[in-house]
N, C-alpha and C. Protein backbone atom coordinates (compact mmCIF):
# COMPACT_ATOMS: atom_id res chain seq x y z
N MET A 1 0.08 -6.89 -8.50
CA MET A 1 0.00 -5.52 -8.06
C MET A 1 -1.25 -4.89 -8.68
N LEU A 2 -1.97 -4.12 -7.86
CA LEU A 2 -3.20 -3.49 -8.33
C LEU A 2 -2.93 -2.12 -8.95
N GLN A 3 -3.73 -1.77 -9.92
CA GLN A 3 -3.68 -0.44 -10.53
C GLN A 3 -4.66 0.46 -9.77
N ILE A 4 -4.40 1.75 -9.75
CA ILE A 4 -5.27 2.68 -9.03
C ILE A 4 -6.70 2.60 -9.54
N SER A 5 -6.88 2.40 -10.82
CA SER A 5 -8.22 2.33 -11.41
C SER A 5 -9.00 1.11 -10.94
N GLU A 6 -8.33 0.10 -10.39
CA GLU A 6 -8.98 -1.12 -9.90
C GLU A 6 -9.44 -1.01 -8.45
N LEU A 7 -9.09 0.06 -7.76
CA LEU A 7 -9.35 0.18 -6.33
C LEU A 7 -10.72 0.77 -6.05
N ALA A 8 -11.35 0.30 -4.96
CA ALA A 8 -12.66 0.79 -4.56
C ALA A 8 -12.60 1.32 -3.14
N ASP A 9 -13.42 2.31 -2.85
CA ASP A 9 -13.49 2.90 -1.52
C ASP A 9 -13.77 1.81 -0.47
N GLY A 10 -12.95 1.79 0.58
CA GLY A 10 -13.13 0.81 1.66
C GLY A 10 -12.44 -0.52 1.43
N GLN A 11 -11.88 -0.74 0.26
CA GLN A 11 -11.22 -2.00 -0.07
C GLN A 11 -9.98 -2.21 0.81
N THR A 12 -9.80 -3.41 1.33
CA THR A 12 -8.61 -3.76 2.10
C THR A 12 -7.48 -4.07 1.13
N VAL A 13 -6.31 -3.50 1.38
CA VAL A 13 -5.14 -3.73 0.54
C VAL A 13 -3.91 -3.91 1.43
N TYR A 14 -2.82 -4.30 0.81
CA TYR A 14 -1.55 -4.49 1.52
C TYR A 14 -0.47 -3.70 0.80
N ILE A 15 0.40 -3.08 1.59
CA ILE A 15 1.50 -2.29 1.03
C ILE A 15 2.79 -2.67 1.74
N ILE A 16 3.90 -2.40 1.09
CA ILE A 16 5.20 -2.54 1.74
C ILE A 16 5.51 -1.17 2.32
N TYR A 17 5.53 -1.10 3.64
CA TYR A 17 5.63 0.17 4.36
C TYR A 17 7.05 0.34 4.89
N SER A 18 7.71 1.40 4.49
CA SER A 18 9.04 1.72 5.00
C SER A 18 8.90 2.62 6.21
N ASN A 19 9.57 2.27 7.29
CA ASN A 19 9.53 3.06 8.51
C ASN A 19 10.22 4.40 8.25
N PRO A 20 9.53 5.51 8.43
CA PRO A 20 10.14 6.82 8.13
C PRO A 20 11.27 7.18 9.09
N HIS A 21 11.30 6.56 10.27
CA HIS A 21 12.33 6.86 11.26
C HIS A 21 13.55 5.96 11.12
N THR A 22 13.35 4.81 10.50
CA THR A 22 14.44 3.86 10.27
C THR A 22 14.33 3.36 8.84
N PRO A 23 14.94 4.04 7.88
CA PRO A 23 14.74 3.74 6.46
C PRO A 23 15.10 2.31 6.04
N THR A 24 15.90 1.62 6.81
CA THR A 24 16.28 0.26 6.43
C THR A 24 15.27 -0.78 6.90
N VAL A 25 14.20 -0.34 7.56
CA VAL A 25 13.19 -1.26 8.08
C VAL A 25 11.91 -1.11 7.25
N ALA A 26 11.43 -2.22 6.71
CA ALA A 26 10.19 -2.22 5.94
C ALA A 26 9.37 -3.43 6.36
N THR A 27 8.05 -3.27 6.38
CA THR A 27 7.14 -4.35 6.72
C THR A 27 5.95 -4.32 5.77
N ILE A 28 5.21 -5.39 5.75
CA ILE A 28 3.97 -5.44 4.98
C ILE A 28 2.86 -5.03 5.92
N GLN A 29 2.09 -4.03 5.52
CA GLN A 29 1.01 -3.51 6.35
C GLN A 29 -0.32 -3.57 5.63
N GLU A 30 -1.36 -3.87 6.39
CA GLU A 30 -2.71 -3.84 5.86
C GLU A 30 -3.24 -2.41 5.97
N GLY A 31 -3.95 -1.99 4.96
CA GLY A 31 -4.58 -0.67 4.98
C GLY A 31 -5.89 -0.75 4.22
N TYR A 32 -6.51 0.39 4.05
CA TYR A 32 -7.73 0.41 3.26
C TYR A 32 -7.72 1.63 2.34
N ILE A 33 -8.52 1.54 1.31
CA ILE A 33 -8.58 2.59 0.30
C ILE A 33 -9.65 3.60 0.68
N SER A 34 -9.31 4.87 0.53
CA SER A 34 -10.24 5.97 0.72
C SER A 34 -10.26 6.78 -0.57
N VAL A 35 -11.42 6.91 -1.17
CA VAL A 35 -11.55 7.66 -2.42
C VAL A 35 -12.36 8.92 -2.13
N ASP A 36 -11.81 10.06 -2.56
CA ASP A 36 -12.52 11.33 -2.42
C ASP A 36 -12.34 12.13 -3.70
N ALA A 37 -12.72 13.38 -3.66
CA ALA A 37 -12.65 14.22 -4.86
C ALA A 37 -11.23 14.42 -5.37
N LEU A 38 -10.23 14.26 -4.50
CA LEU A 38 -8.83 14.44 -4.90
C LEU A 38 -8.20 13.17 -5.46
N GLY A 39 -8.86 12.04 -5.32
CA GLY A 39 -8.33 10.78 -5.83
C GLY A 39 -8.35 9.69 -4.78
N ALA A 40 -7.54 8.67 -5.00
CA ALA A 40 -7.49 7.52 -4.10
C ALA A 40 -6.31 7.65 -3.15
N SER A 41 -6.53 7.25 -1.90
CA SER A 41 -5.48 7.22 -0.89
C SER A 41 -5.52 5.87 -0.22
N VAL A 42 -4.37 5.45 0.33
CA VAL A 42 -4.35 4.28 1.18
C VAL A 42 -4.16 4.79 2.61
N VAL A 43 -4.91 4.21 3.53
CA VAL A 43 -4.86 4.62 4.93
C VAL A 43 -4.16 3.53 5.73
N VAL A 44 -3.04 3.89 6.35
CA VAL A 44 -2.27 2.98 7.20
C VAL A 44 -1.90 3.76 8.45
N TYR A 45 -2.14 3.17 9.61
CA TYR A 45 -1.84 3.85 10.89
C TYR A 45 -2.50 5.22 10.97
N ASP A 46 -3.73 5.36 10.50
CA ASP A 46 -4.46 6.63 10.49
C ASP A 46 -3.77 7.72 9.68
N TYR A 47 -2.90 7.34 8.77
CA TYR A 47 -2.20 8.27 7.89
C TYR A 47 -2.70 8.04 6.46
N TYR A 48 -3.08 9.10 5.79
CA TYR A 48 -3.54 9.02 4.40
C TYR A 48 -2.37 9.28 3.47
N HIS A 49 -2.13 8.35 2.55
CA HIS A 49 -1.10 8.53 1.53
C HIS A 49 -1.78 8.55 0.18
N THR A 50 -1.73 9.67 -0.51
CA THR A 50 -2.32 9.77 -1.84
C THR A 50 -1.56 8.84 -2.78
N LEU A 51 -2.29 7.99 -3.46
CA LEU A 51 -1.66 7.00 -4.34
C LEU A 51 -1.23 7.63 -5.66
N GLU A 52 -0.09 7.18 -6.12
CA GLU A 52 0.43 7.58 -7.42
C GLU A 52 0.69 6.32 -8.23
N ASP A 53 0.93 6.48 -9.52
CA ASP A 53 1.08 5.33 -10.41
C ASP A 53 2.21 4.39 -10.02
N ASP A 54 3.25 4.88 -9.35
CA ASP A 54 4.38 4.02 -9.01
C ASP A 54 4.27 3.39 -7.61
N ASP A 55 3.15 3.59 -6.91
CA ASP A 55 2.95 2.94 -5.62
C ASP A 55 2.56 1.48 -5.82
N ALA A 56 3.11 0.62 -4.99
CA ALA A 56 2.82 -0.81 -5.06
C ALA A 56 1.72 -1.15 -4.05
N VAL A 57 0.56 -1.53 -4.57
CA VAL A 57 -0.59 -1.89 -3.75
C VAL A 57 -0.99 -3.30 -4.13
N PHE A 58 -1.23 -4.15 -3.14
CA PHE A 58 -1.50 -5.56 -3.39
C PHE A 58 -2.85 -5.98 -2.82
N ALA A 59 -3.48 -6.94 -3.48
CA ALA A 59 -4.79 -7.43 -3.05
C ALA A 59 -4.68 -8.41 -1.89
N SER A 60 -3.54 -9.06 -1.73
CA SER A 60 -3.39 -10.05 -0.66
C SER A 60 -2.02 -9.91 0.00
N TYR A 61 -1.95 -10.41 1.21
CA TYR A 61 -0.69 -10.42 1.95
C TYR A 61 0.35 -11.24 1.19
N GLU A 62 -0.08 -12.35 0.63
CA GLU A 62 0.82 -13.25 -0.09
C GLU A 62 1.45 -12.56 -1.31
N ASP A 63 0.66 -11.79 -2.04
CA ASP A 63 1.20 -11.06 -3.19
C ASP A 63 2.26 -10.05 -2.74
N ALA A 64 1.97 -9.33 -1.66
CA ALA A 64 2.93 -8.36 -1.13
C ALA A 64 4.19 -9.06 -0.63
N GLU A 65 4.02 -10.21 -0.01
CA GLU A 65 5.16 -10.95 0.53
C GLU A 65 6.11 -11.42 -0.56
N GLN A 66 5.58 -11.83 -1.70
CA GLN A 66 6.42 -12.25 -2.83
C GLN A 66 7.33 -11.12 -3.28
N VAL A 67 6.77 -9.94 -3.45
CA VAL A 67 7.57 -8.77 -3.88
C VAL A 67 8.53 -8.36 -2.77
N TYR A 68 8.07 -8.40 -1.53
CA TYR A 68 8.92 -8.05 -0.39
C TYR A 68 10.17 -8.94 -0.37
N LYS A 69 9.96 -10.23 -0.51
CA LYS A 69 11.09 -11.17 -0.50
C LYS A 69 12.04 -10.93 -1.67
N GLN A 70 11.50 -10.56 -2.80
CA GLN A 70 12.29 -10.35 -4.00
C GLN A 70 13.13 -9.07 -3.91
N TYR A 71 12.59 -8.00 -3.36
CA TYR A 71 13.26 -6.71 -3.41
C TYR A 71 13.82 -6.22 -2.08
N VAL A 72 13.27 -6.65 -0.97
CA VAL A 72 13.69 -6.12 0.33
C VAL A 72 14.71 -7.04 1.00
N LEU A 73 14.49 -8.32 0.92
CA LEU A 73 15.40 -9.24 1.63
C LEU A 73 16.68 -9.47 0.89
């Protein structure tokens, strides 16, 4: 899992994304990092989510999949 301080603007990352309309559905989604004056955000589906210390951000799909299998399945 990556720390916010390790992220760079434009970097491709992977997150475990929970569907807001169906809370029991989660998938691994690719996104990218956007850094501005307010901090770092991950962009998925044209939605900006400001990152916080407890957000799980992964460098590879495989890393995200390991955590997904451990906690979601």
